[in-house]
């Protein structure tokens, strides 16, 4: 068995897809087990090639399955806690970044400002496993009842510093509707009050609020068939990259060089005020994000919308044929 640890969220799993695919190709006859939160199971299915989900809750101690794995691969972090958690599985070999505190010196050094996708591909390359950082596509879930061809606004984010002001999302929504977009507002159940507030300010009907109504598979379906996504730096942006859905992603305290789309396409745009990126922000929207105006986001949305018109028609035709 090859045991891989990635006990994080949607974007974290999406950025690890190329590494997981590299391991699948390198070990076609071994069971590939992914240690990740149980709630990610529907998304794990869309990655493909993973034989088993081992449900873990972060880095809490875990009673690993037996027999011990041949390789334990740390795609979670640089240690020491994650290294020690995998060592508890008694693998024959630990494949991980160098960590003196955990006693693991057989690995490449950690580079702090490296893109998240390329980071894990470089780790595997150190151990002789080839992977392609551009291999990010996910399987499409079966089409569900959610609308196709909509423009999705996703205002929520776990960290307040990474949230663009709701009033600006609302102003953007009004202008997109005026340009002929059908706008919906997505988010988690916790984001529903925020999404409802944006919709109300924008004059959208209550039916446009999808926050709290889209479990992971349904969210992936929504994004895969959307016309456009506009979002903060959060997991849903990685779904847009995986499905080649046109996107405009708004970055604040974190550089898009680390978490933005790793493959340059004309239908993905990131907006970031780099000169403000290093500023400290104790609360509220980060200055680098607050400096992004509605006009700039609308202009970027128009650019990717035009660039991706053939793709939208292909999605529409495929949906009609199902």
Protein backbone atom coordinates (compact mmCIF):
# COMPACT_ATOMS: atom_id res chain seq x y z
CA UNK A 1 0.00 0.00 0.00
CA UNK A 2 1.02 3.60 -0.69
CA UNK A 3 -0.35 5.80 2.10
CA UNK A 4 -0.63 9.54 1.35
CA UNK A 5 -1.45 12.20 3.94
CA UNK A 6 -3.35 15.33 2.83
CA UNK A 7 -5.68 16.09 5.74
CA UNK A 8 -6.81 19.53 4.63
CA UNK A 9 -9.55 21.14 2.47
CA UNK A 10 -10.90 21.42 -1.08
CA UNK A 11 -8.15 23.61 -2.53
CA UNK A 12 -5.46 21.58 -0.80
CA UNK A 13 -6.73 18.35 -2.32
CA UNK A 14 -7.09 19.95 -5.77
CA UNK A 15 -3.51 21.21 -5.74
CA UNK A 16 -2.23 17.74 -4.80
CA UNK A 17 -3.95 16.02 -7.76
CA UNK A 18 -0.84 15.97 -10.01
CA UNK A 19 1.22 14.36 -7.24
CA UNK A 20 -1.48 11.78 -6.56
CA UNK A 21 -1.64 10.94 -10.27
CA UNK A 22 2.14 10.57 -10.36
CA UNK A 23 2.00 8.07 -7.51
CA UNK A 24 -0.79 6.16 -9.27
CA UNK A 25 1.32 5.80 -12.42
CA UNK A 26 4.44 4.88 -10.45
CA UNK A 27 2.67 2.16 -8.45
CA UNK A 28 -0.11 0.80 -10.68
CA UNK A 29 -0.34 -2.50 -8.79
CA UNK A 30 -0.35 -1.16 -5.24
CA UNK A 31 -3.32 0.14 -3.27
CA UNK A 32 -3.24 3.94 -3.19
CA UNK A 33 -4.78 5.14 0.08
CA UNK A 34 -5.40 8.81 0.84
CA UNK A 35 -5.61 9.98 4.45
CA UNK A 36 -7.98 12.96 4.34
CA UNK A 37 -11.16 14.18 6.04
CA UNK A 38 -14.22 12.02 5.42
CA UNK A 39 -16.25 14.97 4.13
CA UNK A 40 -13.91 15.19 1.14
CA UNK A 41 -14.92 11.72 -0.07
CA UNK A 42 -17.05 12.95 -3.03
CA UNK A 43 -14.15 15.06 -4.29
CA UNK A 44 -11.72 12.17 -3.84
CA UNK A 45 -13.97 10.17 -6.17
CA UNK A 46 -13.60 12.88 -8.80
CA UNK A 47 -9.79 12.73 -8.62
CA UNK A 48 -9.83 9.11 -9.77
CA UNK A 49 -7.20 6.43 -9.18
CA UNK A 50 -7.46 6.50 -5.39
CA UNK A 51 -8.41 3.09 -4.08
CA UNK A 52 -9.19 3.93 -0.48
CA UNK A 53 -9.98 6.93 1.68
CA UNK A 54 -8.57 6.72 5.20
CA UNK A 55 -10.67 9.20 7.22
CA UNK A 56 -8.52 11.38 9.44
CA UNK A 57 -9.29 14.55 11.37
CA UNK A 58 -6.34 16.84 10.80
CA UNK A 59 -3.17 15.63 12.49
CA UNK A 60 -4.84 13.98 15.47
CA UNK A 61 -3.38 10.59 16.46
CA UNK A 62 -4.81 7.80 14.34
CA UNK A 63 -4.86 4.02 14.53
CA UNK A 64 -3.55 3.21 11.08
CA UNK A 65 -4.73 0.22 9.05
CA UNK A 66 -2.60 -2.90 8.81
CA UNK A 67 -0.46 -4.20 7.22
CA UNK A 68 1.97 -1.24 7.30
CA UNK A 69 2.34 0.67 4.01
CA UNK A 70 5.29 0.27 1.67
CA UNK A 71 5.55 4.06 1.25
CA UNK A 72 4.05 6.76 3.45
CA UNK A 73 4.01 10.05 1.54
CA UNK A 74 3.61 13.36 3.34
CA UNK A 75 1.72 15.74 1.05
CA UNK A 76 0.42 17.59 4.10
CA UNK A 77 3.33 19.73 5.23
CA UNK A 78 6.98 19.82 6.21
CA UNK A 79 6.66 18.26 9.66
CA UNK A 80 7.41 17.44 12.37
CA UNK A 81 3.86 16.61 13.47
CA UNK A 82 2.75 15.27 10.09
CA UNK A 83 5.97 13.29 9.71
CA UNK A 84 5.50 11.68 13.11
CA UNK A 85 1.87 10.88 12.36
CA UNK A 86 2.91 8.95 9.25
CA UNK A 87 5.80 7.29 11.07
CA UNK A 88 3.19 5.85 13.45
CA UNK A 89 1.88 3.84 10.49
CA UNK A 90 5.24 2.00 10.47
CA UNK A 91 5.90 2.39 6.75
CA UNK A 92 8.86 0.71 5.11
CA UNK A 93 9.85 4.13 3.68
CA UNK A 94 8.78 7.68 4.54
CA UNK A 95 8.76 10.09 1.60
CA UNK A 96 8.67 13.65 2.89
CA UNK A 97 10.47 16.97 3.07
CA UNK A 98 13.59 17.16 5.16
CA UNK A 99 12.78 17.77 8.83
CA UNK A 100 15.52 17.68 11.43
CA UNK A 101 13.01 17.91 14.31
CA UNK A 102 11.35 14.69 13.14
CA UNK A 103 14.67 12.99 12.40
CA UNK A 104 13.91 12.84 8.67
CA UNK A 105 16.96 13.95 6.66
CA UNK A 106 16.27 11.97 3.48
CA UNK A 107 14.29 14.49 1.49
CA UNK A 108 14.44 17.80 -0.38
CA UNK A 109 14.44 21.09 1.47
CA UNK A 110 11.23 23.08 1.89
CA UNK A 111 10.90 26.28 -0.19
CA UNK A 112 8.47 28.67 1.46
CA UNK A 113 7.33 30.69 -1.56
CA UNK A 114 6.96 27.73 -3.94
CA UNK A 115 3.65 27.13 -5.71
CA UNK A 116 1.66 24.54 -3.81
CA UNK A 117 1.18 22.23 -6.81
CA UNK A 118 4.81 22.34 -7.91
CA UNK A 119 5.94 21.79 -4.32
CA UNK A 120 4.52 18.28 -4.15
CA UNK A 121 5.62 17.39 -7.67
CA UNK A 122 9.18 18.39 -6.70
CA UNK A 123 8.98 16.24 -3.57
CA UNK A 124 8.05 13.18 -5.62
CA UNK A 125 10.69 13.94 -8.23
CA UNK A 126 13.32 13.75 -5.46
CA UNK A 127 12.24 10.15 -4.92
CA UNK A 128 12.11 9.27 -8.61
CA UNK A 129 8.38 9.69 -9.22
CA UNK A 130 7.42 11.84 -12.21
CA UNK A 131 4.34 14.06 -12.11
CA UNK A 132 2.93 16.87 -14.24
CA UNK A 133 1.95 20.10 -12.40
CA UNK A 134 -0.58 20.81 -15.15
CA UNK A 135 -2.44 17.52 -14.61
CA UNK A 136 -5.22 19.18 -12.60
CA UNK A 137 -8.42 18.09 -14.32
CA UNK A 138 -11.11 16.42 -12.24
CA UNK A 139 -13.80 14.05 -13.40
CA UNK A 140 -17.15 15.71 -14.03
CA UNK A 141 -19.86 14.62 -11.61
CA UNK A 142 -23.22 13.53 -13.04
CA UNK A 143 -25.28 16.64 -13.85
CA UNK A 144 -27.66 17.51 -11.03
CA UNK A 145 -30.54 19.95 -10.61
CA UNK A 146 -28.36 23.06 -10.35
CA UNK A 147 -28.42 25.54 -13.24
CA UNK A 148 -25.91 25.51 -16.08
CA UNK A 149 -24.23 28.53 -17.64
CA UNK A 150 -24.57 30.76 -14.59
CA UNK A 151 -22.06 33.24 -13.23
CA UNK A 152 -21.08 32.18 -9.72
CA UNK A 153 -20.04 34.71 -7.08
CA UNK A 154 -18.38 33.14 -4.04
CA UNK A 155 -17.89 35.84 -1.38
CA UNK A 156 -17.05 33.59 1.57
CA UNK A 157 -13.65 32.60 2.90
CA UNK A 158 -12.51 31.18 6.24
CA UNK A 159 -10.16 34.07 6.96
CA UNK A 160 -11.73 37.57 7.08
CA UNK A 161 -8.55 39.07 5.60
CA UNK A 162 -9.22 37.17 2.37
CA UNK A 163 -12.81 38.38 1.93
CA UNK A 164 -13.60 41.07 -0.62
CA UNK A 165 -16.22 43.50 0.81
CA UNK A 166 -19.80 42.19 0.40
CA UNK A 167 -21.00 45.58 -0.89
CA UNK A 168 -18.54 45.28 -3.78
CA UNK A 169 -19.74 41.78 -4.60
CA UNK A 170 -23.27 43.17 -4.67
CA UNK A 171 -22.30 46.08 -6.92
CA UNK A 172 -20.49 43.64 -9.20
CA UNK A 173 -23.55 41.38 -9.31
CA UNK A 174 -25.78 44.26 -10.39
CA UNK A 175 -23.48 45.17 -13.25
CA UNK A 176 -23.09 41.57 -14.36
CA UNK A 177 -26.86 41.15 -14.45
CA UNK A 178 -27.10 44.32 -16.53
CA UNK A 179 -24.59 42.72 -18.94
CA UNK A 180 -26.80 39.66 -19.34
CA UNK A 181 -25.33 37.27 -16.76
CA UNK A 182 -27.49 35.00 -14.63
CA UNK A 183 -25.84 35.41 -11.24
CA UNK A 184 -25.93 33.00 -8.30
CA UNK A 185 -24.13 33.26 -4.96
CA UNK A 186 -22.44 30.16 -3.59
CA UNK A 187 -20.80 29.28 -0.28
CA UNK A 188 -20.87 26.93 2.67
CA UNK A 189 -23.71 26.69 5.17
CA UNK A 190 -21.79 29.09 7.39
CA UNK A 191 -21.59 31.53 4.47
CA UNK A 192 -25.36 31.58 3.89
CA UNK A 193 -26.04 34.85 5.80
CA UNK A 194 -23.20 36.52 3.90
CA UNK A 195 -24.45 35.18 0.56
CA UNK A 196 -28.02 36.19 1.33
CA UNK A 197 -26.84 39.69 2.23
CA UNK A 198 -24.95 40.04 -1.05
CA UNK A 199 -27.97 38.83 -3.00
CA UNK A 200 -30.30 41.22 -1.19
CA UNK A 201 -28.02 44.20 -1.83
CA UNK A 202 -27.76 43.21 -5.48
CA UNK A 203 -31.51 42.78 -5.92
CA UNK A 204 -31.16 39.08 -6.73
CA UNK A 205 -34.04 36.70 -5.93
CA UNK A 206 -33.71 34.34 -2.94
CA UNK A 207 -33.40 31.44 -5.39
CA UNK A 208 -30.03 32.86 -6.46
CA UNK A 209 -28.58 32.06 -3.04
CA UNK A 210 -27.01 28.59 -3.32
CA UNK A 211 -24.81 28.87 -0.21
CA UNK A 212 -25.45 25.94 2.10
CA UNK A 213 -27.29 24.04 -0.64
CA UNK A 214 -24.32 22.59 -2.53
CA UNK A 215 -22.45 19.66 -0.97
CA UNK A 216 -19.05 19.04 -2.56
CA UNK A 217 -20.23 16.96 -5.53
CA UNK A 218 -23.00 19.46 -6.31
CA UNK A 219 -20.57 22.37 -5.96
CA UNK A 220 -18.19 20.67 -8.40
CA UNK A 221 -21.09 20.14 -10.80
CA UNK A 222 -22.11 23.80 -10.51
CA UNK A 223 -18.59 25.06 -11.21
CA UNK A 224 -17.96 22.58 -14.01
CA UNK A 225 -20.97 23.91 -15.96
CA UNK A 226 -20.72 27.58 -14.98
CA UNK A 227 -20.18 30.47 -17.33
CA UNK A 228 -17.85 32.25 -14.92
CA UNK A 229 -16.61 32.15 -11.32
CA UNK A 230 -15.58 35.21 -9.31
CA UNK A 231 -14.14 34.30 -5.95
CA UNK A 232 -11.66 35.13 -3.24
CA UNK A 233 -8.56 33.00 -2.77
CA UNK A 234 -10.32 29.85 -1.59
CA UNK A 235 -11.01 26.24 -2.56
CA UNK A 236 -13.72 26.89 -5.14
CA UNK A 237 -11.17 28.70 -7.31
CA UNK A 238 -9.21 25.47 -7.65
CA UNK A 239 -12.36 23.72 -8.90
CA UNK A 240 -12.61 26.34 -11.65
CA UNK A 241 -9.02 25.59 -12.63
CA UNK A 242 -9.72 21.84 -12.63
CA UNK A 243 -12.74 22.24 -14.90
CA UNK A 244 -11.28 25.04 -17.04
CA UNK A 245 -14.17 27.24 -16.02
CA UNK A 246 -13.45 30.95 -16.65
CA UNK A 247 -12.50 32.56 -13.37
CA UNK A 248 -11.45 35.82 -11.77
CA UNK A 249 -9.74 35.20 -8.43
CA UNK A 250 -9.12 37.97 -5.91
CA UNK A 251 -5.98 37.67 -3.77
CA UNK A 252 -5.02 39.51 -0.60
CA UNK A 253 -2.41 38.41 1.96
CA UNK A 254 -1.22 35.40 -0.06
CA UNK A 255 0.55 35.69 -3.41
CA UNK A 256 -1.12 34.01 -6.41
CA UNK A 257 2.37 32.76 -7.25
CA UNK A 258 1.78 30.26 -4.42
CA UNK A 259 -1.93 29.48 -4.72
CA UNK A 260 -3.17 30.82 -8.06
CA UNK A 261 -3.81 28.73 -11.19
CA UNK A 262 -0.43 27.10 -11.89
CA UNK A 263 -1.13 26.85 -15.63
CA UNK A 264 -1.54 30.10 -17.53
CA UNK A 265 -4.74 30.24 -19.57
CA UNK A 266 -6.48 33.27 -20.99
CA UNK A 267 -9.71 32.21 -19.27
CA UNK A 268 -8.23 32.49 -15.74
CA UNK A 269 -7.32 35.88 -14.27
CA UNK A 270 -5.94 36.73 -10.86
CA UNK A 271 -6.12 40.21 -9.36
CA UNK A 272 -3.63 41.17 -6.67
CA UNK A 273 -2.03 44.42 -5.58
CA UNK A 274 1.46 43.03 -5.10
CA UNK A 275 2.87 46.19 -3.56
CA UNK A 276 0.37 45.83 -0.69
CA UNK A 277 0.68 42.06 -0.28
CA UNK A 278 3.24 42.17 2.51
CA UNK A 279 1.26 44.59 4.68
CA UNK A 280 0.00 43.32 8.02
CA UNK A 281 -3.72 43.11 8.63
CA UNK A 282 -5.09 42.35 12.08
CA UNK A 283 -8.77 42.30 11.10
CA UNK A 284 -11.08 42.95 8.19
CA UNK A 285 -10.20 42.84 4.50
CA UNK A 286 -6.50 42.81 3.71
CA UNK A 287 -5.24 46.06 2.07
CA UNK A 288 -4.13 44.19 -1.07
CA UNK A 289 -7.67 42.92 -1.50
CA UNK A 290 -9.38 46.15 -0.47
CA UNK A 291 -7.45 47.97 -3.20
CA UNK A 292 -9.22 45.93 -5.91
CA UNK A 293 -12.17 47.91 -7.24
CA UNK A 294 -15.38 46.76 -8.87
CA UNK A 295 -14.36 48.21 -12.24
CA UNK A 296 -11.17 46.12 -12.29
CA UNK A 297 -13.04 42.91 -11.50
CA UNK A 298 -15.71 43.64 -14.10
CA UNK A 299 -13.06 44.31 -16.75
CA UNK A 300 -11.29 41.03 -15.94
CA UNK A 301 -14.62 39.18 -16.02
CA UNK A 302 -15.39 40.57 -19.47
CA UNK A 303 -11.96 39.53 -20.74
CA UNK A 304 -12.17 35.91 -19.59
CA UNK A 305 -15.81 35.69 -20.67
CA UNK A 306 -14.89 36.61 -24.24
CA UNK A 307 -11.84 34.34 -24.24
CA UNK A 308 -13.88 31.35 -23.11
CA UNK A 309 -16.96 31.73 -25.35
CA UNK A 310 -16.22 28.52 -27.34
CA UNK A 311 -15.81 26.59 -24.09
CA UNK A 312 -19.18 27.82 -22.80
CA UNK A 313 -20.88 26.70 -26.01
CA UNK A 314 -19.30 23.25 -25.69
CA UNK A 315 -20.58 22.92 -22.11
CA UNK A 316 -24.05 24.03 -23.20
CA UNK A 317 -24.12 21.51 -26.05
CA UNK A 318 -22.93 18.68 -23.76
CA UNK A 319 -25.60 19.52 -21.17
CA UNK A 320 -28.32 19.59 -23.80
CA UNK A 321 -27.23 16.16 -25.06
CA UNK A 322 -27.53 14.50 -21.64
